[in-house]
C-alpha atoms as a PDB file:
ATOM      1  CA  MET A   1      78.882  99.552 123.675  1.00  0.00           C
ATOM      2  CA  GLY A   2      80.537 102.861 122.916  1.00  0.00           C
ATOM      3  CA  ARG A   3      79.246 105.015 120.113  1.00  0.00           C
ATOM      4  CA  CYS A   4      81.388 106.743 117.506  1.00  0.00           C
ATOM      5  CA  GLU A   5      81.417 110.514 117.855  1.00  0.00           C
ATOM      6  CA  LYS A   6      81.183 111.015 114.090  1.00  0.00           C
ATOM      7  CA  GLU A   7      77.915 110.911 112.205  1.00  0.00           C
ATOM      8  CA  SER A   8      77.079 108.486 109.423  1.00  0.00           C
ATOM      9  CA  ALA A   9      79.200 108.831 106.303  1.00  0.00           C
ATOM     10  CA  VAL A  10      79.191 107.886 102.654  1.00  0.00           C
ATOM     11  CA  LEU A  11      81.783 105.207 101.804  1.00  0.00           C
ATOM     12  CA  LEU A  12      83.136 104.778  98.284  1.00  0.00           C
ATOM     13  CA  VAL A  13      83.899 101.190  97.261  1.00  0.00           C
ATOM     14  CA  LEU A  14      85.683  99.859  94.209  1.00  0.00           C
ATOM     15  CA  ASP A  15      82.811  98.658  92.084  1.00  0.00           C
ATOM     16  CA  GLN A  16      79.069  98.194  91.895  1.00  0.00           C
ATOM     17  CA  ALA A  17      79.278  94.533  92.939  1.00  0.00           C
ATOM     18  CA  GLN A  18      81.050  95.415  96.183  1.00  0.00           C
ATOM     19  CA  ALA A  19      78.618  98.264  96.813  1.00  0.00           C
ATOM     20  CA  ASP A  20      75.705  95.856  96.399  1.00  0.00           C
ATOM     21  CA  LEU A  21      77.321  93.188  98.559  1.00  0.00           C
ATOM     22  CA  GLY A  22      78.377  95.127 101.639  1.00  0.00           C
ATOM     23  CA  GLY A  23      79.290  92.480 104.195  1.00  0.00           C
ATOM     24  CA  PRO A  24      81.960  91.699 106.789  1.00  0.00           C
ATOM     25  CA  GLU A  25      84.983  92.439 104.596  1.00  0.00           C
ATOM     26  CA  LEU A  26      84.271  96.167 104.993  1.00  0.00           C
ATOM     27  CA  ARG A  27      85.318  97.980 108.169  1.00  0.00           C
ATOM     28  CA  CYS A  28      83.830 101.001 109.888  1.00  0.00           C
ATOM     29  CA  PRO A  29      85.793 104.205 109.104  1.00  0.00           C
ATOM     30  CA  ASP A  30      85.465 105.379 112.712  1.00  0.00           C
ATOM     31  CA  CYS A  31      86.246 102.215 114.702  1.00  0.00           C
ATOM     32  CA  PRO A  32      87.514  98.637 114.123  1.00  0.00           C
ATOM     33  CA  GLY A  33      83.971  97.274 113.900  1.00  0.00           C
ATOM     34  CA  ARG A  34      82.648  95.243 110.984  1.00  0.00           C
ATOM     35  CA  LEU A  35      79.946  96.630 108.734  1.00  0.00           C
ATOM     36  CA  ARG A  36      76.737  94.631 108.312  1.00  0.00           C
ATOM     37  CA  ARG A  37      73.965  95.073 105.794  1.00  0.00           C
ATOM     38  CA  TRP A  38      71.239  97.378 107.033  1.00  0.00           C
ATOM     39  CA  GLY A  39      68.722  97.940 104.254  1.00  0.00           C
ATOM     40  CA  PHE A  40      69.030 100.543 101.520  1.00  0.00           C
ATOM     41  CA  ALA A  41      69.347 104.291 101.184  1.00  0.00           C
ATOM     42  CA  ARG A  42      66.983 106.239  98.947  1.00  0.00           C
ATOM     43  CA  ALA A  43      67.127 105.501  95.234  1.00  0.00           C
ATOM     44  CA  ARG A  44      68.742 108.157  93.058  1.00  0.00           C
ATOM     45  CA  SER A  45      69.679 108.831  89.446  1.00  0.00           C
ATOM     46  CA  LEU A  46      72.903 110.339  88.160  1.00  0.00           C
ATOM     47  CA  ARG A  47      73.524 112.129  84.886  1.00  0.00           C
ATOM     48  CA  CYS A  48      76.243 110.411  82.838  1.00  0.00           C
ATOM     49  CA  SER A  49      78.106 111.130  79.608  1.00  0.00           C
ATOM     50  CA  GLY A  50      75.955 111.280  76.518  1.00  0.00           C
ATOM     51  CA  GLY A  51      72.951 112.665  78.381  1.00  0.00           C
ATOM     52  CA  GLY A  52      71.851 109.321  79.833  1.00  0.00           C
ATOM     53  CA  ARG A  53      71.117 108.446  83.438  1.00  0.00           C
ATOM     54  CA  VAL A  54      72.348 105.794  85.854  1.00  0.00           C
ATOM     55  CA  TRP A  55      69.931 104.628  88.537  1.00  0.00           C
ATOM     56  CA  LEU A  56      71.273 103.544  91.915  1.00  0.00           C
ATOM     57  CA  ARG A  57      69.761 102.163  95.083  1.00  0.00           C
ATOM     58  CA  PRO A  58      72.751 102.308  97.418  1.00  0.00           C
ATOM     59  CA  ARG A  59      73.253  99.684 100.081  1.00  0.00           C
ATOM     60  CA  ARG A  60      73.190 100.930 103.662  1.00  0.00           C
ATOM     61  CA  VAL A  61      75.425  99.226 106.243  1.00  0.00           C
ATOM     62  CA  ARG A  62      75.688  99.514 110.012  1.00  0.00           C
ATOM     63  CA  CYS A  63      78.698  99.070 112.255  1.00  0.00           C
ATOM     64  CA  ALA A  64      78.302  96.086 114.569  1.00  0.00           C
ATOM     65  CA  SER A  65      80.336  97.871 117.255  1.00  0.00           C
ATOM     66  CA  CYS A  66      79.397 101.571 117.320  1.00  0.00           C
ATOM     67  CA  ARG A  67      75.975 101.168 115.637  1.00  0.00           C
ATOM     68  CA  VAL A  68      76.573 104.044 113.210  1.00  0.00           C
ATOM     69  CA  SER A  69      75.148 103.516 109.726  1.00  0.00           C
ATOM     70  CA  HIS A  70      76.880 104.336 106.436  1.00  0.00           C
ATOM     71  CA  VAL A  71      75.920 104.369 102.768  1.00  0.00           C
ATOM     72  CA  LEU A  72      77.971 102.442 100.192  1.00  0.00           C
ATOM     73  CA  LEU A  73      78.424 104.066  96.795  1.00  0.00           C
ATOM     74  CA  PRO A  74      80.275 102.595  93.800  1.00  0.00           C
ATOM     75  CA  ALA A  75      83.263 104.578  92.565  1.00  0.00           C
ATOM     76  CA  LEU A  76      81.279 105.883  89.586  1.00  0.00           C
ATOM     77  CA  ALA A  77      79.055 107.896  91.956  1.00  0.00           C
ATOM     78  CA  PRO A  78      80.805 110.819  93.701  1.00  0.00           C
ATOM     79  CA  PRO A  79      79.206 111.579  97.086  1.00  0.00           C
ATOM     80  CA  TYR A  80      76.620 114.357  97.126  1.00  0.00           C
ATOM     81  CA  ARG A  81      76.784 114.806  93.351  1.00  0.00           C
ATOM     82  CA  ALA A  82      74.076 114.382  90.720  1.00  0.00           C
ATOM     83  CA  TYR A  83      76.603 113.367  88.037  1.00  0.00           C
ATOM     84  CA  THR A  84      78.772 110.318  87.431  1.00  0.00           C
ATOM     85  CA  ILE A  85      82.526 110.505  87.872  1.00  0.00           C
ATOM     86  CA  ASP A  86      83.231 110.143  84.151  1.00  0.00           C
ATOM     87  CA  LEU A  87      81.208 113.281  83.409  1.00  0.00           C
ATOM     88  CA  VAL A  88      82.961 115.228  86.157  1.00  0.00           C
ATOM     89  CA  GLY A  89      86.321 113.951  84.904  1.00  0.00           C
ATOM     90  CA  ALA A  90      85.553 115.007  81.335  1.00  0.00           C
ATOM     91  CA  ALA A  91      84.777 118.521  82.550  1.00  0.00           C
ATOM     92  CA  LEU A  92      88.020 118.738  84.551  1.00  0.00           C
ATOM     93  CA  LEU A  93      90.101 117.465  81.635  1.00  0.00           C
ATOM     94  CA  ALA A  94      88.534 120.050  79.340  1.00  0.00           C
ATOM     95  CA  SER A  95      89.336 122.761  81.897  1.00  0.00           C
ATOM     96  CA  ALA A  96      92.943 121.573  82.119  1.00  0.00           C
ATOM     97  CA  GLY A  97      93.080 121.895  78.322  1.00  0.00           C
ATOM     98  CA  GLY A  98      92.195 125.586  78.570  1.00  0.00           C
ATOM     99  CA  GLN A  99      88.457 125.526  77.885  1.00  0.00           C
ATOM    100  CA  GLY A 100      86.231 127.823  79.941  1.00  0.00           C
ATOM    101  CA  HIS A 101      83.497 126.614  82.247  1.00  0.00           C
ATOM    102  CA  ARG A 102      80.720 128.018  80.065  1.00  0.00           C
ATOM    103  CA  GLY A 103      81.902 126.165  76.976  1.00  0.00           C
ATOM    104  CA  ILE A 104      82.365 122.975  78.985  1.00  0.00           C
ATOM    105  CA  GLY A 105      78.871 123.247  80.386  1.00  0.00           C
ATOM    106  CA  THR A 106      77.427 123.713  76.918  1.00  0.00           C
ATOM    107  CA  ASP A 107      79.325 120.743  75.489  1.00  0.00           C
ATOM    108  CA  LEU A 108      78.398 118.396  78.363  1.00  0.00           C
ATOM    109  CA  GLY A 109      74.892 119.650  79.045  1.00  0.00           C
ATOM    110  CA  VAL A 110      75.789 120.727  82.595  1.00  0.00           C
ATOM    111  CA  PRO A 111      74.982 124.130  84.128  1.00  0.00           C
ATOM    112  CA  PRO A 112      78.075 126.379  83.850  1.00  0.00           C
ATOM    113  CA  ASP A 113      77.933 127.260  87.559  1.00  0.00           C
ATOM    114  CA  THR A 114      78.106 123.557  88.411  1.00  0.00           C
ATOM    115  CA  VAL A 115      81.185 123.115  86.222  1.00  0.00           C
ATOM    116  CA  ARG A 116      82.796 126.186  87.782  1.00  0.00           C
ATOM    117  CA  GLY A 117      82.191 124.718  91.247  1.00  0.00           C
ATOM    118  CA  TRP A 118      83.929 121.470  90.263  1.00  0.00           C
ATOM    119  CA  ILE A 119      86.927 123.373  88.930  1.00  0.00           C
ATOM    120  CA  ARG A 120      87.226 125.545  92.031  1.00  0.00           C
ATOM    121  CA  ARG A 121      87.077 122.580  94.404  1.00  0.00           C
ATOM    122  CA  VAL A 122      89.763 120.703  92.482  1.00  0.00           C
ATOM    123  CA  LYS A 123      92.032 123.754  92.394  1.00  0.00           C
ATOM    124  CA  ALA A 124      91.594 124.183  96.143  1.00  0.00           C
ATOM    125  CA  ARG A 125      92.888 120.615  96.657  1.00  0.00           C
ATOM    126  CA  ALA A 126      95.487 120.641  93.894  1.00  0.00           C
ATOM    127  CA  GLU A 127      98.451 120.127  96.223  1.00  0.00           C
ATOM    128  CA  TRP A 128      96.807 117.191  97.999  1.00  0.00           C
ATOM    129  CA  LEU A 129      95.958 115.625  94.645  1.00  0.00           C
ATOM    130  CA  ARG A 130      99.550 116.130  93.453  1.00  0.00           C
ATOM    131  CA  VAL A 131     100.934 114.388  96.550  1.00  0.00           C
ATOM    132  CA  GLN A 132      98.525 111.475  96.219  1.00  0.00           C
ATOM    133  CA  GLY A 133      99.299 111.140  92.508  1.00  0.00           C
ATOM    134  CA  THR A 134     103.047 111.094  93.222  1.00  0.00           C
ATOM    135  CA  ILE A 135     102.623 108.371  95.850  1.00  0.00           C
ATOM    136  CA  LYS A 136     100.541 106.236  93.501  1.00  0.00           C
ATOM    137  CA  ALA A 137     103.021 106.786  90.660  1.00  0.00           C
ATOM    138  CA  HIS A 138     105.916 105.531  92.815  1.00  0.00           C
ATOM    139  CA  MET A 139     103.886 102.475  93.833  1.00  0.00           C
ATOM    140  CA  LEU A 140     102.993 101.797  90.208  1.00  0.00           C
ATOM    141  CA  ALA A 141     106.618 102.239  89.143  1.00  0.00           C
ATOM    142  CA  ASP A 142     107.670  99.372  91.414  1.00  0.00           C
ATOM    143  CA  ASP A 143     104.969  97.120  89.955  1.00  0.00           C
ATOM    144  CA  LEU A 144     105.958  98.032  86.395  1.00  0.00           C
ATOM    145  CA  ARG A 145     109.596  97.350  87.188  1.00  0.00           C
ATOM    146  CA  ARG A 146     108.768  93.864  88.473  1.00  0.00           C
ATOM    147  CA  LEU A 147     106.647  93.057  85.431  1.00  0.00           C
ATOM    148  CA  GLY A 148     109.379  94.328  83.126  1.00  0.00           C
ATOM    149  CA  THR A 149     112.044  92.288  84.937  1.00  0.00           C
ATOM    150  CA  HIS A 150     110.055  89.133  84.221  1.00  0.00           C
ATOM    151  CA  GLY A 151     109.527  90.095  80.590  1.00  0.00           C
ATOM    152  CA  LEU A 152     105.758  90.469  80.925  1.00  0.00           C
ATOM    153  CA  ILE A 153     105.668  94.072  79.700  1.00  0.00           C
ATOM    154  CA  GLU A 154     107.990  96.378  77.803  1.00  0.00           C
ATOM    155  CA  ARG A 155     108.286 100.133  77.570  1.00  0.00           C
ATOM    156  CA  ILE A 156     107.299 101.802  74.310  1.00  0.00           C
ATOM    157  CA  PRO A 157     110.377 103.738  73.093  1.00  0.00           C
ATOM    158  CA  HIS A 158     110.393 107.503  73.706  1.00  0.00           C
ATOM    159  CA  THR A 159     107.193 107.370  75.798  1.00  0.00           C
ATOM    160  CA  HIS A 160     106.117 106.708  79.372  1.00  0.00           C
ATOM    161  CA  ARG A 161     103.734 103.957  78.277  1.00  0.00           C
ATOM    162  CA  TYR A 162     104.065 100.180  78.406  1.00  0.00           C
ATOM    163  CA  GLN A 163     102.681  97.325  76.365  1.00  0.00           C
ATOM    164  CA  VAL A 164     102.220  93.639  77.083  1.00  0.00           C
ATOM    165  CA  THR A 165     104.809  91.363  75.507  1.00  0.00           C
ATOM    166  CA  ASP A 166     103.985  88.100  73.761  1.00  0.00           C
ATOM    167  CA  HIS A 167     105.341  86.275  76.793  1.00  0.00           C
ATOM    168  CA  GLY A 168     103.154  88.370  79.076  1.00  0.00           C
ATOM    169  CA  LEU A 169     100.060  87.696  76.988  1.00  0.00           C
ATOM    170  CA  HIS A 170     100.710  83.951  76.907  1.00  0.00           C
ATOM    171  CA  THR A 171     101.315  83.961  80.662  1.00  0.00           C
ATOM    172  CA  ALA A 172      98.038  85.791  81.314  1.00  0.00           C
ATOM    173  CA  ILE A 173      96.108  83.373  79.083  1.00  0.00           C
ATOM    174  CA  PHE A 174      97.726  80.374  80.771  1.00  0.00           C
ATOM    175  CA  LEU A 175      96.947  81.608  84.293  1.00  0.00           C
ATOM    176  CA  THR A 176      93.377  82.481  83.338  1.00  0.00           C
ATOM    177  CA  ARG A 177      92.781  79.024  81.898  1.00  0.00           C
ATOM    178  CA  LEU A 178      94.490  77.427  84.888  1.00  0.00           C
ATOM    179  CA  HIS A 179      92.183  79.273  87.257  1.00  0.00           C
ATOM    180  CA  ASP A 180      89.010  78.530  85.275  1.00  0.00           C
ATOM    181  CA  ARG A 181      89.728  74.833  84.784  1.00  0.00           C
ATOM    182  CA  LEU A 182      91.605  73.806  87.914  1.00  0.00           C
ATOM    183  CA  ILE A 183      90.812  75.997  90.909  1.00  0.00           C
ATOM    184  CA  PRO A 184      86.978  75.655  91.037  1.00  0.00           C
ATOM    185  CA  THR A 185      87.188  71.883  90.550  1.00  0.00           C
ATOM    186  CA  ASP A 186      89.856  71.394  93.197  1.00  0.00           C
ATOM    187  CA  LEU A 187      88.042  73.607  95.682  1.00  0.00           C
ATOM    188  CA  ALA A 188      84.968  71.446  95.162  1.00  0.00           C
ATOM    189  CA  HIS A 189      87.072  68.362  95.931  1.00  0.00           C
ATOM    190  CA  LEU A 190      88.332  69.963  99.131  1.00  0.00           C
ATOM    191  CA  ALA A 191      84.808  70.917 100.222  1.00  0.00           C
ATOM    192  CA  ASN A 192      83.299  67.520  99.459  1.00  0.00           C
ATOM    193  CA  GLN A 193      83.752  65.386 102.567  1.00  0.00           C
ATOM    194  CA  SER A 194      81.720  62.409 101.317  1.00  0.00           C
ATOM    195  CA  THR A 195      84.134  61.073  98.692  1.00  0.00           C
ATOM    196  CA  PRO A 196      87.873  60.394  99.022  1.00  0.00           C
ATOM    197  CA  SER A 197      90.167  62.783  97.152  1.00  0.00           C
ATOM    198  CA  PRO A 198      93.986  62.762  96.833  1.00  0.00           C
ATOM    199  CA  LEU A 199      93.962  66.554  96.978  1.00  0.00           C
ATOM    200  CA  ARG A 200      91.875  66.605 100.167  1.00  0.00           C
ATOM    201  CA  SER A 201      94.121  63.951 101.729  1.00  0.00           C
ATOM    202  CA  ALA A 202      97.200  66.024 100.908  1.00  0.00           C
ATOM    203  CA  ALA A 203      95.573  69.166 102.313  1.00  0.00           C
ATOM    204  CA  THR A 204      94.693  67.321 105.535  1.00  0.00           C
ATOM    205  CA  ALA A 205      98.233  66.004 105.902  1.00  0.00           C
ATOM    206  CA  TYR A 206      99.630  69.485 105.280  1.00  0.00           C
ATOM    207  CA  GLN A 207      97.343  70.996 107.924  1.00  0.00           C
ATOM    208  CA  ASN A 208      98.269  68.287 110.427  1.00  0.00           C
ATOM    209  CA  ALA A 209     101.967  68.968 109.830  1.00  0.00           C
ATOM    210  CA  ILE A 210     101.463  72.676 110.517  1.00  0.00           C
ATOM    211  CA  ASP A 211      99.464  71.910 113.681  1.00  0.00           C
ATOM    212  CA  ASN A 212     102.213  69.580 114.937  1.00  0.00           C
ATOM    213  CA  LEU A 213     104.863  72.203 114.244  1.00  0.00           C
ATOM    214  CA  THR A 214     102.990  74.950 116.089  1.00  0.00           C
ATOM    215  CA  ASN A 215     102.384  72.661 119.056  1.00  0.00           C
ATOM    216  CA  ALA A 216     106.048  71.663 119.173  1.00  0.00           C
ATOM    217  CA  THR A 217     107.271  75.288 119.076  1.00  0.00           C
ATOM    218  CA  GLY A 218     104.671  76.589 121.502  1.00  0.00           C
ATOM    219  CA  LEU A 219     102.961  78.835 118.930  1.00  0.00           C
ATOM    220  CA  ALA A 220      99.542  77.223 119.229  1.00  0.00           C
ATOM    221  CA  ALA A 221      96.791  79.529 120.456  1.00  0.00           C
END
């Protein structure tokens, strides 16, 4: 097997649950290989807002193809930082509001030089951040437009903010209840092969129809 030229990296994932899970749904950043669990990295603690600490024991994963290992961190833990992202964000927002790095450090209990380093790094990548923010804003605008077209949200007059309509709230409640009451039960029926089920019979007939169609059109693998 070939080996990736790059060294092991730190991968940010969406939430703590995904960071703990690891697993085949994650792909290697350097090749198409799947990432498999491979023990843990060293435990660490991060300073968070309010002076508290968050303890992490990050999951380590290894690429099944190139054999390079990586560390999974939840989004709250910036790589190579001893502080959580909410604390870093609070410092950057205060700087954007005109406050100096010394005052920010005093208010947050962070060394002023550390705060100044955060500010300098963000300023150095300001253009990249602006481009990424613009892309995300355009993507979000399309989603908001679709939700507004269906009457699920409405724009608050004279602002750039939206609020959920009564119809949107009722729709969300209905879909949540539908999922909680129907989906788990029906999936159990589909998985249970020992007892007859109208839903399982319909699913089998549907799958057979698709198989017949692919065979007839020459699309079968």
